[in-house]
Amino acid sequence: MKQFRDCSGCVFDIKSESFDAFMDNFGRLKETESTRIDFDCAKCTELPDLEDEGGYSQNWRESNQSGGGYGGRGGYNNR
């Protein structure tokens, strides 16, 4: 997960085959837990400017491809 440079949100990587199920689950949570879910999720059409912290490169997807960062192909140790 990386924060937008302007601090207005964040991005995270998800496998394309999991996207629809993730958004369905998010929609159900938003309906049933509306007082607790006070944010939106949407698919990025382009990668926004990200906060550069702790030596991670701007292109975090490429840095994770080699197994660095958060466990390889993105996410936390592929969980």
PDB file of N, CA and C in Angstrom:
ATOM      1  N   MET A   1       0.860  -1.164   0.000  1.00  0.00           N
ATOM      2  CA  MET A   1       0.000   0.000   0.000  1.00  0.00           C
ATOM      3  C   MET A   1       0.906   1.225   0.000  1.00  0.00           C
ATOM      4  N   LYS A   2       0.590   2.175  -0.853  1.00  0.00           N
ATOM      5  CA  LYS A   2       1.360   3.415  -0.943  1.00  0.00           C
ATOM      6  C   LYS A   2       0.414   4.597  -0.901  1.00  0.00           C
ATOM      7  N   GLN A   3       0.828   5.639  -0.203  1.00  0.00           N
ATOM      8  CA  GLN A   3       0.025   6.853  -0.056  1.00  0.00           C
ATOM      9  C   GLN A   3       0.234   7.774  -1.252  1.00  0.00           C
ATOM     10  N   PHE A   4      -0.839   8.469  -1.658  1.00  0.00           N
ATOM     11  CA  PHE A   4      -0.725   9.506  -2.682  1.00  0.00           C
ATOM     12  C   PHE A   4       0.188  10.607  -2.159  1.00  0.00           C
ATOM     13  N   ARG A   5       0.919  11.221  -3.053  1.00  0.00           N
ATOM     14  CA  ARG A   5       1.820  12.308  -2.663  1.00  0.00           C
ATOM     15  C   ARG A   5       1.057  13.444  -1.992  1.00  0.00           C
ATOM     16  N   ASP A   6      -0.195  13.708  -2.431  1.00  0.00           N
ATOM     17  CA  ASP A   6      -0.985  14.801  -1.837  1.00  0.00           C
ATOM     18  C   ASP A   6      -1.779  14.351  -0.601  1.00  0.00           C
ATOM     19  N   CYS A   7      -1.548  13.122  -0.144  1.00  0.00           N
ATOM     20  CA  CYS A   7      -2.170  12.565   1.071  1.00  0.00           C
ATOM     21  C   CYS A   7      -3.693  12.430   0.969  1.00  0.00           C
ATOM     22  N   SER A   8      -4.252  12.396  -0.223  1.00  0.00           N
ATOM     23  CA  SER A   8      -5.704  12.302  -0.375  1.00  0.00           C
ATOM     24  C   SER A   8      -6.207  10.862  -0.464  1.00  0.00           C
ATOM     25  N   GLY A   9      -5.312   9.896  -0.447  1.00  0.00           N
ATOM     26  CA  GLY A   9      -5.720   8.499  -0.531  1.00  0.00           C
ATOM     27  C   GLY A   9      -4.519   7.599  -0.652  1.00  0.00           C
ATOM     28  N   CYS A  10      -4.768   6.358  -1.045  1.00  0.00           N
ATOM     29  CA  CYS A  10      -3.675   5.406  -1.219  1.00  0.00           C
ATOM     30  C   CYS A  10      -4.039   4.414  -2.320  1.00  0.00           C
ATOM     31  N   VAL A  11      -3.050   3.666  -2.766  1.00  0.00           N
ATOM     32  CA  VAL A  11      -3.249   2.620  -3.760  1.00  0.00           C
ATOM     33  C   VAL A  11      -2.697   1.311  -3.212  1.00  0.00           C
ATOM     34  N   PHE A  12      -3.249   0.213  -3.708  1.00  0.00           N
ATOM     35  CA  PHE A  12      -2.709  -1.103  -3.404  1.00  0.00           C
ATOM     36  C   PHE A  12      -2.920  -1.988  -4.619  1.00  0.00           C
ATOM     37  N   ASP A  13      -2.127  -3.003  -4.728  1.00  0.00           N
ATOM     38  CA  ASP A  13      -2.170  -3.896  -5.864  1.00  0.00           C
ATOM     39  C   ASP A  13      -3.071  -5.082  -5.555  1.00  0.00           C
ATOM     40  N   ILE A  14      -3.836  -5.507  -6.541  1.00  0.00           N
ATOM     41  CA  ILE A  14      -4.694  -6.677  -6.408  1.00  0.00           C
ATOM     42  C   ILE A  14      -4.673  -7.409  -7.745  1.00  0.00           C
ATOM     43  N   LYS A  15      -4.698  -8.722  -7.705  1.00  0.00           N
ATOM     44  CA  LYS A  15      -4.705  -9.501  -8.942  1.00  0.00           C
ATOM     45  C   LYS A  15      -5.967  -9.200  -9.735  1.00  0.00           C
ATOM     46  N   SER A  16      -5.828  -9.111 -11.052  1.00  0.00           N
ATOM     47  CA  SER A  16      -6.971  -8.752 -11.895  1.00  0.00           C
ATOM     48  C   SER A  16      -8.111  -9.750 -11.770  1.00  0.00           C
ATOM     49  N   GLU A  17      -7.797 -11.036 -11.585  1.00  0.00           N
ATOM     50  CA  GLU A  17      -8.866 -12.030 -11.465  1.00  0.00           C
ATOM     51  C   GLU A  17      -9.617 -11.922 -10.136  1.00  0.00           C
ATOM     52  N   SER A  18      -9.082 -11.174  -9.180  1.00  0.00           N
ATOM     53  CA  SER A  18      -9.735 -10.983  -7.881  1.00  0.00           C
ATOM     54  C   SER A  18     -10.480  -9.658  -7.773  1.00  0.00           C
ATOM     55  N   PHE A  19     -10.332  -8.794  -8.763  1.00  0.00           N
ATOM     56  CA  PHE A  19     -10.869  -7.441  -8.670  1.00  0.00           C
ATOM     57  C   PHE A  19     -12.396  -7.413  -8.518  1.00  0.00           C
ATOM     58  N   ASP A  20     -13.117  -8.127  -9.378  1.00  0.00           N
ATOM     59  CA  ASP A  20     -14.585  -8.081  -9.324  1.00  0.00           C
ATOM     60  C   ASP A  20     -15.116  -8.576  -7.985  1.00  0.00           C
ATOM     61  N   ALA A  21     -14.570  -9.666  -7.481  1.00  0.00           N
ATOM     62  CA  ALA A  21     -15.010 -10.193  -6.186  1.00  0.00           C
ATOM     63  C   ALA A  21     -14.688  -9.208  -5.066  1.00  0.00           C
ATOM     64  N   PHE A  22     -13.518  -8.591  -5.131  1.00  0.00           N
ATOM     65  CA  PHE A  22     -13.137  -7.599  -4.128  1.00  0.00           C
ATOM     66  C   PHE A  22     -14.133  -6.443  -4.122  1.00  0.00           C
ATOM     67  N   MET A  23     -14.463  -5.919  -5.300  1.00  0.00           N
ATOM     68  CA  MET A  23     -15.381  -4.785  -5.386  1.00  0.00           C
ATOM     69  C   MET A  23     -16.789  -5.175  -4.950  1.00  0.00           C
ATOM     70  N   ASP A  24     -17.219  -6.405  -5.257  1.00  0.00           N
ATOM     71  CA  ASP A  24     -18.524  -6.877  -4.772  1.00  0.00           C
ATOM     72  C   ASP A  24     -18.548  -6.907  -3.245  1.00  0.00           C
ATOM     73  N   ASN A  25     -17.507  -7.467  -2.652  1.00  0.00           N
ATOM     74  CA  ASN A  25     -17.420  -7.523  -1.188  1.00  0.00           C
ATOM     75  C   ASN A  25     -17.360  -6.123  -0.582  1.00  0.00           C
ATOM     76  N   PHE A  26     -16.605  -5.231  -1.203  1.00  0.00           N
ATOM     77  CA  PHE A  26     -16.524  -3.856  -0.707  1.00  0.00           C
ATOM     78  C   PHE A  26     -17.908  -3.195  -0.762  1.00  0.00           C
ATOM     79  N   GLY A  27     -18.633  -3.409  -1.856  1.00  0.00           N
ATOM     80  CA  GLY A  27     -19.978  -2.844  -1.989  1.00  0.00           C
ATOM     81  C   GLY A  27     -20.920  -3.333  -0.902  1.00  0.00           C
ATOM     82  N   ARG A  28     -20.866  -4.644  -0.602  1.00  0.00           N
ATOM     83  CA  ARG A  28     -21.702  -5.195   0.469  1.00  0.00           C
ATOM     84  C   ARG A  28     -21.324  -4.609   1.820  1.00  0.00           C
ATOM     85  N   LEU A  29     -20.016  -4.495   2.079  1.00  0.00           N
ATOM     86  CA  LEU A  29     -19.578  -3.884   3.342  1.00  0.00           C
ATOM     87  C   LEU A  29     -20.048  -2.443   3.447  1.00  0.00           C
ATOM     88  N   LYS A  30     -19.948  -1.717   2.365  1.00  0.00           N
ATOM     89  CA  LYS A  30     -20.362  -0.309   2.361  1.00  0.00           C
ATOM     90  C   LYS A  30     -21.855  -0.189   2.684  1.00  0.00           C
ATOM     91  N   GLU A  31     -22.656  -1.123   2.183  1.00  0.00           N
ATOM     92  CA  GLU A  31     -24.093  -1.103   2.459  1.00  0.00           C
ATOM     93  C   GLU A  31     -24.404  -1.498   3.904  1.00  0.00           C
ATOM     94  N   THR A  32     -23.734  -2.526   4.404  1.00  0.00           N
ATOM     95  CA  THR A  32     -24.071  -3.055   5.725  1.00  0.00           C
ATOM     96  C   THR A  32     -23.321  -2.377   6.865  1.00  0.00           C
ATOM     97  N   GLU A  33     -22.189  -1.781   6.569  1.00  0.00           N
ATOM     98  CA  GLU A  33     -21.357  -1.139   7.597  1.00  0.00           C
ATOM     99  C   GLU A  33     -21.107   0.325   7.237  1.00  0.00           C
ATOM    100  N   SER A  34     -22.118   1.001   6.752  1.00  0.00           N
ATOM    101  CA  SER A  34     -21.939   2.358   6.220  1.00  0.00           C
ATOM    102  C   SER A  34     -21.388   3.351   7.245  1.00  0.00           C
ATOM    103  N   THR A  35     -21.621   3.109   8.517  1.00  0.00           N
ATOM    104  CA  THR A  35     -21.092   4.036   9.515  1.00  0.00           C
ATOM    105  C   THR A  35     -19.604   3.815   9.760  1.00  0.00           C
ATOM    106  N   ARG A  36     -19.111   2.634   9.416  1.00  0.00           N
ATOM    107  CA  ARG A  36     -17.688   2.319   9.628  1.00  0.00           C
ATOM    108  C   ARG A  36     -16.862   2.484   8.366  1.00  0.00           C
ATOM    109  N   ILE A  37     -17.455   2.318   7.203  1.00  0.00           N
ATOM    110  CA  ILE A  37     -16.731   2.409   5.930  1.00  0.00           C
ATOM    111  C   ILE A  37     -16.947   3.818   5.383  1.00  0.00           C
ATOM    112  N   ASP A  38     -16.006   4.688   5.664  1.00  0.00           N
ATOM    113  CA  ASP A  38     -16.148   6.093   5.264  1.00  0.00           C
ATOM    114  C   ASP A  38     -15.153   6.465   4.165  1.00  0.00           C
ATOM    115  N   PHE A  39     -14.892   5.518   3.268  1.00  0.00           N
ATOM    116  CA  PHE A  39     -13.967   5.742   2.162  1.00  0.00           C
ATOM    117  C   PHE A  39     -14.498   4.989   0.948  1.00  0.00           C
ATOM    118  N   ASP A  40     -13.948   5.286  -0.214  1.00  0.00           N
ATOM    119  CA  ASP A  40     -14.331   4.620  -1.452  1.00  0.00           C
ATOM    120  C   ASP A  40     -13.147   3.855  -2.022  1.00  0.00           C
ATOM    121  N   CYS A  41     -13.442   2.868  -2.823  1.00  0.00           N
ATOM    122  CA  CYS A  41     -12.431   2.114  -3.570  1.00  0.00           C
ATOM    123  C   CYS A  41     -12.780   2.202  -5.045  1.00  0.00           C
ATOM    124  N   ALA A  42     -11.767   2.366  -5.872  1.00  0.00           N
ATOM    125  CA  ALA A  42     -11.968   2.408  -7.315  1.00  0.00           C
ATOM    126  C   ALA A  42     -10.696   1.919  -7.997  1.00  0.00           C
ATOM    127  N   LYS A  43     -10.853   1.420  -9.199  1.00  0.00           N
ATOM    128  CA  LYS A  43      -9.715   0.960  -9.988  1.00  0.00           C
ATOM    129  C   LYS A  43      -9.029   2.165 -10.626  1.00  0.00           C
ATOM    130  N   CYS A  44      -7.723   2.253 -10.464  1.00  0.00           N
ATOM    131  CA  CYS A  44      -6.954   3.345 -11.077  1.00  0.00           C
ATOM    132  C   CYS A  44      -6.848   3.119 -12.580  1.00  0.00           C
ATOM    133  N   THR A  45      -7.028   4.179 -13.337  1.00  0.00           N
ATOM    134  CA  THR A  45      -6.776   4.102 -14.766  1.00  0.00           C
ATOM    135  C   THR A  45      -5.326   4.442 -15.074  1.00  0.00           C
ATOM    136  N   GLU A  46      -4.689   5.160 -14.156  1.00  0.00           N
ATOM    137  CA  GLU A  46      -3.253   5.433 -14.239  1.00  0.00           C
ATOM    138  C   GLU A  46      -2.733   5.603 -12.824  1.00  0.00           C
ATOM    139  N   LEU A  47      -1.453   5.305 -12.634  1.00  0.00           N
ATOM    140  CA  LEU A  47      -0.860   5.375 -11.314  1.00  0.00           C
ATOM    141  C   LEU A  47      -0.644   6.837 -10.917  1.00  0.00           C
ATOM    142  N   PRO A  48      -1.220   7.287  -9.805  1.00  0.00           N
ATOM    143  CA  PRO A  48      -1.043   8.679  -9.368  1.00  0.00           C
ATOM    144  C   PRO A  48       0.347   8.899  -8.787  1.00  0.00           C
ATOM    145  N   ASP A  49       0.704  10.157  -8.550  1.00  0.00           N
ATOM    146  CA  ASP A  49       1.959  10.466  -7.876  1.00  0.00           C
ATOM    147  C   ASP A  49       1.907   9.906  -6.472  1.00  0.00           C
ATOM    148  N   LEU A  50       2.937   9.142  -6.108  1.00  0.00           N
ATOM    149  CA  LEU A  50       2.967   8.483  -4.812  1.00  0.00           C
ATOM    150  C   LEU A  50       4.027   9.080  -3.914  1.00  0.00           C
ATOM    151  N   GLU A  51       3.790   8.986  -2.616  1.00  0.00           N
ATOM    152  CA  GLU A  51       4.738   9.444  -1.608  1.00  0.00           C
ATOM    153  C   GLU A  51       6.003   8.607  -1.727  1.00  0.00           C
ATOM    154  N   ASP A  52       7.152   9.266  -1.761  1.00  0.00           N
ATOM    155  CA  ASP A  52       8.429   8.565  -1.834  1.00  0.00           C
ATOM    156  C   ASP A  52       8.991   8.477  -0.431  1.00  0.00           C
ATOM    157  N   GLU A  53       8.968   7.269   0.147  1.00  0.00           N
ATOM    158  CA  GLU A  53       9.404   7.107   1.527  1.00  0.00           C
ATOM    159  C   GLU A  53      10.264   5.872   1.678  1.00  0.00           C
ATOM    160  N   GLY A  54      11.174   5.904   2.597  1.00  0.00           N
ATOM    161  CA  GLY A  54      11.944   4.732   2.976  1.00  0.00           C
ATOM    162  C   GLY A  54      12.738   4.092   1.864  1.00  0.00           C
ATOM    163  N   GLY A  55      13.098   4.820   0.829  1.00  0.00           N
ATOM    164  CA  GLY A  55      13.922   4.265  -0.221  1.00  0.00           C
ATOM    165  C   GLY A  55      13.168   3.483  -1.277  1.00  0.00           C
ATOM    166  N   TYR A  56      11.842   3.371  -1.174  1.00  0.00           N
ATOM    167  CA  TYR A  56      11.096   2.681  -2.213  1.00  0.00           C
ATOM    168  C   TYR A  56      11.034   3.568  -3.444  1.00  0.00           C
ATOM    169  N   SER A  57      11.095   2.946  -4.608  1.00  0.00           N
ATOM    170  CA  SER A  57      11.070   3.723  -5.841  1.00  0.00           C
ATOM    171  C   SER A  57       9.656   4.196  -6.136  1.00  0.00           C
ATOM    172  N   GLN A  58       9.530   5.194  -7.000  1.00  0.00           N
ATOM    173  CA  GLN A  58       8.227   5.703  -7.419  1.00  0.00           C
ATOM    174  C   GLN A  58       7.415   4.591  -8.074  1.00  0.00           C
ATOM    175  N   ASN A  59       8.074   3.746  -8.872  1.00  0.00           N
ATOM    176  CA  ASN A  59       7.361   2.663  -9.525  1.00  0.00           C
ATOM    177  C   ASN A  59       7.413   1.428  -8.635  1.00  0.00           C
ATOM    178  N   TRP A  60       6.550   1.359  -7.637  1.00  0.00           N
ATOM    179  CA  TRP A  60       6.561   0.303  -6.640  1.00  0.00           C
ATOM    180  C   TRP A  60       6.227  -1.055  -7.217  1.00  0.00           C
ATOM    181  N   ARG A  61       5.492  -1.108  -8.314  1.00  0.00           N
ATOM    182  CA  ARG A  61       5.179  -2.406  -8.909  1.00  0.00           C
ATOM    183  C   ARG A  61       6.443  -3.074  -9.426  1.00  0.00           C
ATOM    184  N   GLU A  62       7.317  -2.313 -10.088  1.00  0.00           N
ATOM    185  CA  GLU A  62       8.555  -2.899 -10.587  1.00  0.00           C
ATOM    186  C   GLU A  62       9.455  -3.341  -9.451  1.00  0.00           C
ATOM    187  N   SER A  63       9.519  -2.587  -8.362  1.00  0.00           N
ATOM    188  CA  SER A  63      10.384  -2.963  -7.256  1.00  0.00           C
ATOM    189  C   SER A  63       9.909  -4.247  -6.593  1.00  0.00           C
ATOM    190  N   ASN A  64       8.598  -4.514  -6.605  1.00  0.00           N
ATOM    191  CA  ASN A  64       8.067  -5.730  -5.983  1.00  0.00           C
ATOM    192  C   ASN A  64       8.193  -6.952  -6.876  1.00  0.00           C
ATOM    193  N   GLN A  65       8.405  -6.780  -8.167  1.00  0.00           N
ATOM    194  CA  GLN A  65       8.503  -7.910  -9.077  1.00  0.00           C
ATOM    195  C   GLN A  65       9.679  -8.814  -8.722  1.00  0.00           C
ATOM    196  N   SER A  66      10.760  -8.249  -8.191  1.00  0.00           N
ATOM    197  CA  SER A  66      11.953  -9.031  -7.900  1.00  0.00           C
ATOM    198  C   SER A  66      11.913  -9.671  -6.521  1.00  0.00           C
ATOM    199  N   GLY A  67      10.816  -9.519  -5.818  1.00  0.00           N
ATOM    200  CA  GLY A  67      10.698 -10.128  -4.501  1.00  0.00           C
ATOM    201  C   GLY A  67      10.967  -9.155  -3.377  1.00  0.00           C
ATOM    202  N   GLY A  68      11.257  -7.895  -3.694  1.00  0.00           N
ATOM    203  CA  GLY A  68      11.508  -6.902  -2.653  1.00  0.00           C
ATOM    204  C   GLY A  68      10.209  -6.311  -2.159  1.00  0.00           C
ATOM    205  N   GLY A  69      10.313  -5.386  -1.257  1.00  0.00           N
ATOM    206  CA  GLY A  69       9.119  -4.693  -0.774  1.00  0.00           C
ATOM    207  C   GLY A  69       8.267  -5.588   0.091  1.00  0.00           C
ATOM    208  N   TYR A  70       7.049  -5.845  -0.312  1.00  0.00           N
ATOM    209  CA  TYR A  70       6.076  -6.554   0.510  1.00  0.00           C
ATOM    210  C   TYR A  70       5.860  -7.998   0.060  1.00  0.00           C
ATOM    211  N   GLY A  71       6.899  -8.707  -0.337  1.00  0.00           N
ATOM    212  CA  GLY A  71       6.753 -10.135  -0.541  1.00  0.00           C
ATOM    213  C   GLY A  71       6.538 -10.587  -1.963  1.00  0.00           C
ATOM    214  N   GLY A  72       7.187  -9.994  -2.930  1.00  0.00           N
ATOM    215  CA  GLY A  72       7.128 -10.538  -4.280  1.00  0.00           C
ATOM    216  C   GLY A  72       6.131  -9.853  -5.158  1.00  0.00           C
ATOM    217  N   ARG A  73       5.028 -10.543  -5.487  1.00  0.00           N
ATOM    218  CA  ARG A  73       4.097 -10.042  -6.487  1.00  0.00           C
ATOM    219  C   ARG A  73       3.111  -9.047  -5.925  1.00  0.00           C
ATOM    220  N   GLY A  74       3.474  -8.355  -4.892  1.00  0.00           N
ATOM    221  CA  GLY A  74       2.561  -7.389  -4.301  1.00  0.00           C
ATOM    222  C   GLY A  74       1.808  -8.021  -3.152  1.00  0.00           C
ATOM    223  N   GLY A  75       1.154  -7.193  -2.387  1.00  0.00           N
ATOM    224  CA  GLY A  75       0.436  -7.693  -1.212  1.00  0.00           C
ATOM    225  C   GLY A  75       1.410  -8.037  -0.106  1.00  0.00           C
ATOM    226  N   TYR A  76       0.923  -8.598   0.935  1.00  0.00           N
ATOM    227  CA  TYR A  76       1.752  -8.949   2.069  1.00  0.00           C
ATOM    228  C   TYR A  76       2.048 -10.426   2.021  1.00  0.00           C
ATOM    229  N   ASN A  77       3.208 -10.769   1.494  1.00  0.00           N
ATOM    230  CA  ASN A  77       3.641 -12.157   1.352  1.00  0.00           C
ATOM    231  C   ASN A  77       2.604 -13.014   0.630  1.00  0.00           C
ATOM    232  N   ASN A  78       1.966 -12.418  -0.379  1.00  0.00           N
ATOM    233  CA  ASN A  78       0.995 -13.087  -1.241  1.00  0.00           C
ATOM    234  C   ASN A  78      -0.208 -13.629  -0.487  1.00  0.00           C
ATOM    235  N   ARG A  79      -0.557 -13.022   0.667  1.00  0.00           N
ATOM    236  CA  ARG A  79      -1.752 -13.455   1.399  1.00  0.00           C
ATOM    237  C   ARG A  79      -2.962 -12.808   0.801  1.00  0.00           C
TER     238      ARG A  79
END
